[in-house]
Amino acid sequence: MNNALKLTADQALRSAIAYADIKNDELVCTSGSFADGLYHFLVTTLYMRYEFYVDAASGEVPGFSTEPLSCLETLGLCTEGEALPHVA
């Protein structure tokens, strides 16, 4: 077992959500992975997409970015990677 790993994935995700001041009732979906001592999370709310890296040993958030969702993504009409319909 890795002694440097102090945080579970759930604890690291809670740390990331607190870092961005996201309320639990705002969460739409989350996904995560682990590599090289860092948890990587993608978190979506109704209007924003967040990306976090959380150090598994310290709980610090060394990487964080946000981007607003497009109107069509917000309405659930398209997902990331889909071509947007042409609007005349």
PDB file of N, CA and C in Angstrom:
ATOM      1  N   MET A   1       0.846  -1.186   0.000  1.00  0.00           N
ATOM      2  CA  MET A   1       0.000   0.000   0.000  1.00  0.00           C
ATOM      3  C   MET A   1       0.884   1.239   0.000  1.00  0.00           C
ATOM      4  N   ASN A   2       0.466   2.258  -0.720  1.00  0.00           N
ATOM      5  CA  ASN A   2       1.231   3.494  -0.842  1.00  0.00           C
ATOM      6  C   ASN A   2       1.054   4.344   0.414  1.00  0.00           C
ATOM      7  N   ASN A   3       2.135   4.550   1.162  1.00  0.00           N
ATOM      8  CA  ASN A   3       2.057   5.339   2.395  1.00  0.00           C
ATOM      9  C   ASN A   3       1.827   6.818   2.137  1.00  0.00           C
ATOM     10  N   ALA A   4       2.169   7.300   0.929  1.00  0.00           N
ATOM     11  CA  ALA A   4       1.967   8.710   0.606  1.00  0.00           C
ATOM     12  C   ALA A   4       0.488   9.021   0.368  1.00  0.00           C
ATOM     13  N   LEU A   5      -0.301   7.992   0.119  1.00  0.00           N
ATOM     14  CA  LEU A   5      -1.718   8.190  -0.158  1.00  0.00           C
ATOM     15  C   LEU A   5      -2.470   8.350   1.166  1.00  0.00           C
ATOM     16  N   LYS A   6      -2.844   9.589   1.484  1.00  0.00           N
ATOM     17  CA  LYS A   6      -3.527   9.872   2.739  1.00  0.00           C
ATOM     18  C   LYS A   6      -5.022  10.082   2.549  1.00  0.00           C
ATOM     19  N   LEU A   7      -5.421  10.592   1.397  1.00  0.00           N
ATOM     20  CA  LEU A   7      -6.823  10.912   1.156  1.00  0.00           C
ATOM     21  C   LEU A   7      -7.482   9.849   0.293  1.00  0.00           C
ATOM     22  N   THR A   8      -8.702   9.499   0.630  1.00  0.00           N
ATOM     23  CA  THR A   8      -9.492   8.650  -0.253  1.00  0.00           C
ATOM     24  C   THR A   8      -9.996   9.531  -1.399  1.00  0.00           C
ATOM     25  N   ALA A   9     -10.520   8.905  -2.442  1.00  0.00           N
ATOM     26  CA  ALA A   9     -11.074   9.657  -3.564  1.00  0.00           C
ATOM     27  C   ALA A   9     -12.220  10.554  -3.096  1.00  0.00           C
ATOM     28  N   ASP A  10     -13.061  10.050  -2.192  1.00  0.00           N
ATOM     29  CA  ASP A  10     -14.176  10.840  -1.682  1.00  0.00           C
ATOM     30  C   ASP A  10     -13.686  12.068  -0.916  1.00  0.00           C
ATOM     31  N   GLN A  11     -12.666  11.893  -0.078  1.00  0.00           N
ATOM     32  CA  GLN A  11     -12.115  13.016   0.671  1.00  0.00           C
ATOM     33  C   GLN A  11     -11.484  14.043  -0.272  1.00  0.00           C
ATOM     34  N   ALA A  12     -10.788  13.569  -1.297  1.00  0.00           N
ATOM     35  CA  ALA A  12     -10.157  14.482  -2.254  1.00  0.00           C
ATOM     36  C   ALA A  12     -11.215  15.252  -3.040  1.00  0.00           C
ATOM     37  N   LEU A  13     -12.291  14.575  -3.434  1.00  0.00           N
ATOM     38  CA  LEU A  13     -13.367  15.255  -4.151  1.00  0.00           C
ATOM     39  C   LEU A  13     -14.019  16.306  -3.266  1.00  0.00           C
ATOM     40  N   ARG A  14     -14.250  15.989  -2.019  1.00  0.00           N
ATOM     41  CA  ARG A  14     -14.821  16.981  -1.081  1.00  0.00           C
ATOM     42  C   ARG A  14     -13.897  18.194  -0.946  1.00  0.00           C
ATOM     43  N   SER A  15     -12.597  17.943  -0.914  1.00  0.00           N
ATOM     44  CA  SER A  15     -11.618  19.028  -0.835  1.00  0.00           C
ATOM     45  C   SER A  15     -11.703  19.922  -2.069  1.00  0.00           C
ATOM     46  N   ALA A  16     -11.817  19.314  -3.242  1.00  0.00           N
ATOM     47  CA  ALA A  16     -11.914  20.074  -4.489  1.00  0.00           C
ATOM     48  C   ALA A  16     -13.193  20.905  -4.529  1.00  0.00           C
ATOM     49  N   ILE A  17     -14.303  20.304  -4.139  1.00  0.00           N
ATOM     50  CA  ILE A  17     -15.588  21.009  -4.155  1.00  0.00           C
ATOM     51  C   ILE A  17     -15.575  22.175  -3.172  1.00  0.00           C
ATOM     52  N   ALA A  18     -14.976  21.973  -2.018  1.00  0.00           N
ATOM     53  CA  ALA A  18     -14.859  23.060  -1.039  1.00  0.00           C
ATOM     54  C   ALA A  18     -13.943  24.164  -1.570  1.00  0.00           C
ATOM     55  N   TYR A  19     -12.879  23.787  -2.251  1.00  0.00           N
ATOM     56  CA  TYR A  19     -11.934  24.755  -2.816  1.00  0.00           C
ATOM     57  C   TYR A  19     -12.649  25.725  -3.757  1.00  0.00           C
ATOM     58  N   ALA A  20     -13.574  25.203  -4.559  1.00  0.00           N
ATOM     59  CA  ALA A  20     -14.302  26.026  -5.524  1.00  0.00           C
ATOM     60  C   ALA A  20     -15.596  26.597  -4.960  1.00  0.00           C
ATOM     61  N   ASP A  21     -15.893  26.282  -3.702  1.00  0.00           N
ATOM     62  CA  ASP A  21     -17.105  26.758  -3.045  1.00  0.00           C
ATOM     63  C   ASP A  21     -18.367  26.341  -3.802  1.00  0.00           C
ATOM     64  N   ILE A  22     -18.371  25.071  -4.230  1.00  0.00           N
ATOM     65  CA  ILE A  22     -19.537  24.504  -4.910  1.00  0.00           C
ATOM     66  C   ILE A  22     -20.420  23.856  -3.848  1.00  0.00           C
ATOM     67  N   LYS A  23     -21.692  24.139  -3.903  1.00  0.00           N
ATOM     68  CA  LYS A  23     -22.648  23.531  -2.969  1.00  0.00           C
ATOM     69  C   LYS A  23     -23.057  22.153  -3.490  1.00  0.00           C
ATOM     70  N   ASN A  24     -23.296  21.209  -2.590  1.00  0.00           N
ATOM     71  CA  ASN A  24     -23.670  19.852  -2.993  1.00  0.00           C
ATOM     72  C   ASN A  24     -24.902  19.818  -3.886  1.00  0.00           C
ATOM     73  N   ASP A  25     -25.868  20.701  -3.648  1.00  0.00           N
ATOM     74  CA  ASP A  25     -27.083  20.686  -4.459  1.00  0.00           C
ATOM     75  C   ASP A  25     -26.866  21.280  -5.851  1.00  0.00           C
ATOM     76  N   GLU A  26     -25.688  21.848  -6.114  1.00  0.00           N
ATOM     77  CA  GLU A  26     -25.364  22.379  -7.436  1.00  0.00           C
ATOM     78  C   GLU A  26     -24.748  21.325  -8.360  1.00  0.00           C
ATOM     79  N   LEU A  27     -24.279  20.211  -7.795  1.00  0.00           N
ATOM     80  CA  LEU A  27     -23.587  19.195  -8.571  1.00  0.00           C
ATOM     81  C   LEU A  27     -24.534  18.482  -9.524  1.00  0.00           C
ATOM     82  N   VAL A  28     -24.109  18.334 -10.771  1.00  0.00           N
ATOM     83  CA  VAL A  28     -24.867  17.577 -11.749  1.00  0.00           C
ATOM     84  C   VAL A  28     -24.183  16.240 -11.973  1.00  0.00           C
ATOM     85  N   CYS A  29     -22.866  16.254 -12.187  1.00  0.00           N
ATOM     86  CA  CYS A  29     -22.139  14.996 -12.337  1.00  0.00           C
ATOM     87  C   CYS A  29     -20.664  15.207 -11.995  1.00  0.00           C
ATOM     88  N   THR A  30     -20.019  14.123 -11.635  1.00  0.00           N
ATOM     89  CA  THR A  30     -18.596  14.141 -11.323  1.00  0.00           C
ATOM     90  C   THR A  30     -17.957  12.894 -11.910  1.00  0.00           C
ATOM     91  N   SER A  31     -16.696  13.002 -12.249  1.00  0.00           N
ATOM     92  CA  SER A  31     -15.907  11.837 -12.646  1.00  0.00           C
ATOM     93  C   SER A  31     -14.496  12.067 -12.151  1.00  0.00           C
ATOM     94  N   GLY A  32     -13.771  10.985 -11.953  1.00  0.00           N
ATOM     95  CA  GLY A  32     -12.418  11.137 -11.428  1.00  0.00           C
ATOM     96  C   GLY A  32     -11.526   9.977 -11.781  1.00  0.00           C
ATOM     97  N   SER A  33     -10.229  10.232 -11.609  1.00  0.00           N
ATOM     98  CA  SER A  33      -9.220   9.209 -11.827  1.00  0.00           C
ATOM     99  C   SER A  33      -8.048   9.500 -10.904  1.00  0.00           C
ATOM    100  N   PHE A  34      -7.096   8.573 -10.851  1.00  0.00           N
ATOM    101  CA  PHE A  34      -5.930   8.737  -9.995  1.00  0.00           C
ATOM    102  C   PHE A  34      -4.687   8.293 -10.752  1.00  0.00           C
ATOM    103  N   ALA A  35      -3.637   9.117 -10.699  1.00  0.00           N
ATOM    104  CA  ALA A  35      -2.348   8.767 -11.299  1.00  0.00           C
ATOM    105  C   ALA A  35      -1.266   9.648 -10.699  1.00  0.00           C
ATOM    106  N   ASP A  36      -0.096   9.068 -10.486  1.00  0.00           N
ATOM    107  CA  ASP A  36       1.092   9.806 -10.040  1.00  0.00           C
ATOM    108  C   ASP A  36       0.858  10.639  -8.785  1.00  0.00           C
ATOM    109  N   GLY A  37       0.081  10.112  -7.853  1.00  0.00           N
ATOM    110  CA  GLY A  37      -0.138  10.803  -6.588  1.00  0.00           C
ATOM    111  C   GLY A  37      -1.163  11.921  -6.636  1.00  0.00           C
ATOM    112  N   LEU A  38      -1.848  12.069  -7.775  1.00  0.00           N
ATOM    113  CA  LEU A  38      -2.851  13.126  -7.921  1.00  0.00           C
ATOM    114  C   LEU A  38      -4.194  12.538  -8.310  1.00  0.00           C
ATOM    115  N   TYR A  39      -5.225  13.046  -7.672  1.00  0.00           N
ATOM    116  CA  TYR A  39      -6.588  12.763  -8.119  1.00  0.00           C
ATOM    117  C   TYR A  39      -6.940  13.809  -9.172  1.00  0.00           C
ATOM    118  N   HIS A  40      -7.613  13.395 -10.219  1.00  0.00           N
ATOM    119  CA  HIS A  40      -8.088  14.301 -11.269  1.00  0.00           C
ATOM    120  C   HIS A  40      -9.607  14.190 -11.299  1.00  0.00           C
ATOM    121  N   PHE A  41     -10.291  15.328 -11.152  1.00  0.00           N
ATOM    122  CA  PHE A  41     -11.754  15.334 -11.131  1.00  0.00           C
ATOM    123  C   PHE A  41     -12.307  16.296 -12.165  1.00  0.00           C
ATOM    124  N   LEU A  42     -13.381  15.880 -12.813  1.00  0.00           N
ATOM    125  CA  LEU A  42     -14.196  16.750 -13.643  1.00  0.00           C
ATOM    126  C   LEU A  42     -15.547  16.856 -12.950  1.00  0.00           C
ATOM    127  N   VAL A  43     -15.959  18.078 -12.675  1.00  0.00           N
ATOM    128  CA  VAL A  43     -17.197  18.333 -11.952  1.00  0.00           C
ATOM    129  C   VAL A  43     -18.043  19.282 -12.796  1.00  0.00           C
ATOM    130  N   THR A  44     -19.315  18.954 -12.946  1.00  0.00           N
ATOM    131  CA  THR A  44     -20.223  19.794 -13.715  1.00  0.00           C
ATOM    132  C   THR A  44     -21.373  20.248 -12.825  1.00  0.00           C
ATOM    133  N   THR A  45     -21.674  21.536 -12.907  1.00  0.00           N
ATOM    134  CA  THR A  45     -22.874  22.086 -12.280  1.00  0.00           C
ATOM    135  C   THR A  45     -23.804  22.495 -13.427  1.00  0.00           C
ATOM    136  N   LEU A  46     -24.897  23.130 -13.121  1.00  0.00           N
ATOM    137  CA  LEU A  46     -25.824  23.532 -14.185  1.00  0.00           C
ATOM    138  C   LEU A  46     -25.208  24.512 -15.184  1.00  0.00           C
ATOM    139  N   TYR A  47     -24.224  25.297 -14.754  1.00  0.00           N
ATOM    140  CA  TYR A  47     -23.712  26.344 -15.626  1.00  0.00           C
ATOM    141  C   TYR A  47     -22.202  26.302 -15.863  1.00  0.00           C
ATOM    142  N   MET A  48     -21.488  25.492 -15.092  1.00  0.00           N
ATOM    143  CA  MET A  48     -20.026  25.499 -15.177  1.00  0.00           C
ATOM    144  C   MET A  48     -19.459  24.086 -15.228  1.00  0.00           C
ATOM    145  N   ARG A  49     -18.260  23.989 -15.806  1.00  0.00           N
ATOM    146  CA  ARG A  49     -17.479  22.760 -15.782  1.00  0.00           C
ATOM    147  C   ARG A  49     -16.171  23.096 -15.057  1.00  0.00           C
ATOM    148  N   TYR A  50     -15.839  22.274 -14.082  1.00  0.00           N
ATOM    149  CA  TYR A  50     -14.637  22.477 -13.277  1.00  0.00           C
ATOM    150  C   TYR A  50     -13.698  21.293 -13.487  1.00  0.00           C
ATOM    151  N   GLU A  51     -12.403  21.578 -13.478  1.00  0.00           N
ATOM    152  CA  GLU A  51     -11.396  20.528 -13.531  1.00  0.00           C
ATOM    153  C   GLU A  51     -10.420  20.762 -12.390  1.00  0.00           C
ATOM    154  N   PHE A  52     -10.164  19.713 -11.612  1.00  0.00           N
ATOM    155  CA  PHE A  52      -9.310  19.813 -10.438  1.00  0.00           C
ATOM    156  C   PHE A  52      -8.237  18.743 -10.457  1.00  0.00           C
ATOM    157  N   TYR A  53      -7.099  19.079  -9.890  1.00  0.00           N
ATOM    158  CA  TYR A  53      -6.085  18.104  -9.506  1.00  0.00           C
ATOM    159  C   TYR A  53      -5.896  18.267  -8.006  1.00  0.00           C
ATOM    160  N   VAL A  54      -5.957  17.174  -7.279  1.00  0.00           N
ATOM    161  CA  VAL A  54      -5.820  17.204  -5.828  1.00  0.00           C
ATOM    162  C   VAL A  54      -4.681  16.271  -5.433  1.00  0.00           C
ATOM    163  N   ASP A  55      -3.718  16.797  -4.671  1.00  0.00           N
ATOM    164  CA  ASP A  55      -2.601  15.991  -4.181  1.00  0.00           C
ATOM    165  C   ASP A  55      -3.123  15.003  -3.148  1.00  0.00           C
ATOM    166  N   ALA A  56      -2.902  13.708  -3.387  1.00  0.00           N
ATOM    167  CA  ALA A  56      -3.441  12.664  -2.509  1.00  0.00           C
ATOM    168  C   ALA A  56      -2.767  12.657  -1.144  1.00  0.00           C
ATOM    169  N   ALA A  57      -1.547  13.160  -1.040  1.00  0.00           N
ATOM    170  CA  ALA A  57      -0.823  13.152   0.227  1.00  0.00           C
ATOM    171  C   ALA A  57      -1.184  14.359   1.098  1.00  0.00           C
ATOM    172  N   SER A  58      -1.327  15.526   0.470  1.00  0.00           N
ATOM    173  CA  SER A  58      -1.525  16.752   1.248  1.00  0.00           C
ATOM    174  C   SER A  58      -2.945  17.295   1.204  1.00  0.00           C
ATOM    175  N   GLY A  59      -3.711  16.935   0.187  1.00  0.00           N
ATOM    176  CA  GLY A  59      -5.046  17.493   0.025  1.00  0.00           C
ATOM    177  C   GLY A  59      -5.053  18.842  -0.668  1.00  0.00           C
ATOM    178  N   GLU A  60      -3.872  19.350  -1.030  1.00  0.00           N
ATOM    179  CA  GLU A  60      -3.803  20.633  -1.727  1.00  0.00           C
ATOM    180  C   GLU A  60      -4.325  20.492  -3.147  1.00  0.00           C
ATOM    181  N   VAL A  61      -4.781  21.611  -3.708  1.00  0.00           N
ATOM    182  CA  VAL A  61      -5.307  21.651  -5.070  1.00  0.00           C
ATOM    183  C   VAL A  61      -4.295  22.414  -5.936  1.00  0.00           C
ATOM    184  N   PRO A  62      -3.323  21.697  -6.547  1.00  0.00           N
ATOM    185  CA  PRO A  62      -2.314  22.380  -7.347  1.00  0.00           C
ATOM    186  C   PRO A  62      -2.789  22.764  -8.742  1.00  0.00           C
ATOM    187  N   GLY A  63      -3.941  22.239  -9.181  1.00  0.00           N
ATOM    188  CA  GLY A  63      -4.465  22.577 -10.498  1.00  0.00           C
ATOM    189  C   GLY A  63      -5.964  22.742 -10.448  1.00  0.00           C
ATOM    190  N   PHE A  64      -6.448  23.829 -11.071  1.00  0.00           N
ATOM    191  CA  PHE A  64      -7.874  24.141 -11.027  1.00  0.00           C
ATOM    192  C   PHE A  64      -8.213  24.997 -12.229  1.00  0.00           C
ATOM    193  N   SER A  65      -9.262  24.636 -12.960  1.00  0.00           N
ATOM    194  CA  SER A  65      -9.730  25.482 -14.049  1.00  0.00           C
ATOM    195  C   SER A  65     -11.247  25.384 -14.140  1.00  0.00           C
ATOM    196  N   THR A  66     -11.853  26.399 -14.735  1.00  0.00           N
ATOM    197  CA  THR A  66     -13.302  26.431 -14.916  1.00  0.00           C
ATOM    198  C   THR A  66     -13.608  26.925 -16.317  1.00  0.00           C
ATOM    199  N   GLU A  67     -14.772  26.549 -16.800  1.00  0.00           N
ATOM    200  CA  GLU A  67     -15.278  27.116 -18.039  1.00  0.00           C
ATOM    201  C   GLU A  67     -16.801  27.051 -18.002  1.00  0.00           C
ATOM    202  N   PRO A  68     -17.448  28.094 -18.493  1.00  0.00           N
ATOM    203  CA  PRO A  68     -18.913  28.067 -18.515  1.00  0.00           C
ATOM    204  C   PRO A  68     -19.396  27.074 -19.569  1.00  0.00           C
ATOM    205  N   LEU A  69     -20.542  26.472 -19.311  1.00  0.00           N
ATOM    206  CA  LEU A  69     -21.166  25.596 -20.296  1.00  0.00           C
ATOM    207  C   LEU A  69     -21.857  26.453 -21.346  1.00  0.00           C
ATOM    208  N   SER A  70     -21.927  25.956 -22.571  1.00  0.00           N
ATOM    209  CA  SER A  70     -22.660  26.672 -23.606  1.00  0.00           C
ATOM    210  C   SER A  70     -24.154  26.576 -23.297  1.00  0.00           C
ATOM    211  N   CYS A  71     -24.928  27.422 -23.942  1.00  0.00           N
ATOM    212  CA  CYS A  71     -26.386  27.390 -23.748  1.00  0.00           C
ATOM    213  C   CYS A  71     -26.951  26.025 -24.084  1.00  0.00           C
ATOM    214  N   LEU A  72     -26.476  25.408 -25.161  1.00  0.00           N
ATOM    215  CA  LEU A  72     -26.997  24.099 -25.561  1.00  0.00           C
ATOM    216  C   LEU A  72     -26.595  23.025 -24.562  1.00  0.00           C
ATOM    217  N   GLU A  73     -25.381  23.092 -24.023  1.00  0.00           N
ATOM    218  CA  GLU A  73     -24.975  22.134 -23.000  1.00  0.00           C
ATOM    219  C   GLU A  73     -25.819  22.309 -21.749  1.00  0.00           C
ATOM    220  N   THR A  74     -26.075  23.563 -21.385  1.00  0.00           N
ATOM    221  CA  THR A  74     -26.891  23.853 -20.207  1.00  0.00           C
ATOM    222  C   THR A  74     -28.283  23.261 -20.352  1.00  0.00           C
ATOM    223  N   LEU A  75     -28.833  23.315 -21.537  1.00  0.00           N
ATOM    224  CA  LEU A  75     -30.165  22.770 -21.787  1.00  0.00           C
ATOM    225  C   LEU A  75     -30.135  21.259 -22.006  1.00  0.00           C
ATOM    226  N   GLY A  76     -28.932  20.685 -22.062  1.00  0.00           N
ATOM    227  CA  GLY A  76     -28.806  19.255 -22.256  1.00  0.00           C
ATOM    228  C   GLY A  76     -28.998  18.815 -23.694  1.00  0.00           C
ATOM    229  N   LEU A  77     -28.875  19.756 -24.627  1.00  0.00           N
ATOM    230  CA  LEU A  77     -29.092  19.418 -26.029  1.00  0.00           C
ATOM    231  C   LEU A  77     -27.849  18.877 -26.710  1.00  0.00           C
ATOM    232  N   CYS A  78     -26.692  19.053 -26.119  1.00  0.00           N
ATOM    233  CA  CYS A  78     -25.483  18.476 -26.690  1.00  0.00           C
ATOM    234  C   CYS A  78     -24.515  18.185 -25.559  1.00  0.00           C
ATOM    235  N   THR A  79     -23.583  17.306 -25.813  1.00  0.00           N
ATOM    236  CA  THR A  79     -22.561  16.975 -24.839  1.00  0.00           C
ATOM    237  C   THR A  79     -21.212  17.339 -25.406  1.00  0.00           C
ATOM    238  N   GLU A  80     -20.217  17.353 -24.560  1.00  0.00           N
ATOM    239  CA  GLU A  80     -18.867  17.702 -24.971  1.00  0.00           C
ATOM    240  C   GLU A  80     -18.429  16.807 -26.124  1.00  0.00           C
ATOM    241  N   GLY A  81     -17.875  17.412 -27.153  1.00  0.00           N
ATOM    242  CA  GLY A  81     -17.376  16.662 -28.286  1.00  0.00           C
ATOM    243  C   GLY A  81     -18.359  16.544 -29.432  1.00  0.00           C
ATOM    244  N   GLU A  82     -19.628  16.840 -29.194  1.00  0.00           N
ATOM    245  CA  GLU A  82     -20.604  16.808 -30.281  1.00  0.00           C
ATOM    246  C   GLU A  82     -20.544  18.116 -31.058  1.00  0.00           C
ATOM    247  N   ALA A  83     -20.803  18.028 -32.339  1.00  0.00           N
ATOM    248  CA  ALA A  83     -20.880  19.234 -33.154  1.00  0.00           C
ATOM    249  C   ALA A  83     -22.158  19.982 -32.797  1.00  0.00           C
ATOM    250  N   LEU A  84     -22.044  21.289 -32.691  1.00  0.00           N
ATOM    251  CA  LEU A  84     -23.214  22.103 -32.404  1.00  0.00           C
ATOM    252  C   LEU A  84     -24.023  22.278 -33.690  1.00  0.00           C
ATOM    253  N   PRO A  85     -25.339  22.259 -33.607  1.00  0.00           N
ATOM    254  CA  PRO A  85     -26.148  22.453 -34.815  1.00  0.00           C
ATOM    255  C   PRO A  85     -25.971  23.865 -35.354  1.00  0.00           C
ATOM    256  N   HIS A  86     -26.066  23.996 -36.653  1.00  0.00           N
ATOM    257  CA  HIS A  86     -25.962  25.318 -37.271  1.00  0.00           C
ATOM    258  C   HIS A  86     -27.236  26.106 -36.971  1.00  0.00           C
ATOM    259  N   VAL A  87     -27.036  27.314 -36.502  1.00  0.00           N
ATOM    260  CA  VAL A  87     -28.175  28.187 -36.221  1.00  0.00           C
ATOM    261  C   VAL A  87     -28.099  29.362 -37.172  1.00  0.00           C
ATOM    262  N   ALA A  88     -29.128  29.535 -38.003  1.00  0.00           N
ATOM    263  CA  ALA A  88     -29.141  30.610 -39.000  1.00  0.00           C
ATOM    264  C   ALA A  88     -29.607  31.902 -38.401  1.00  0.00           C
TER     265      ALA A  88
END
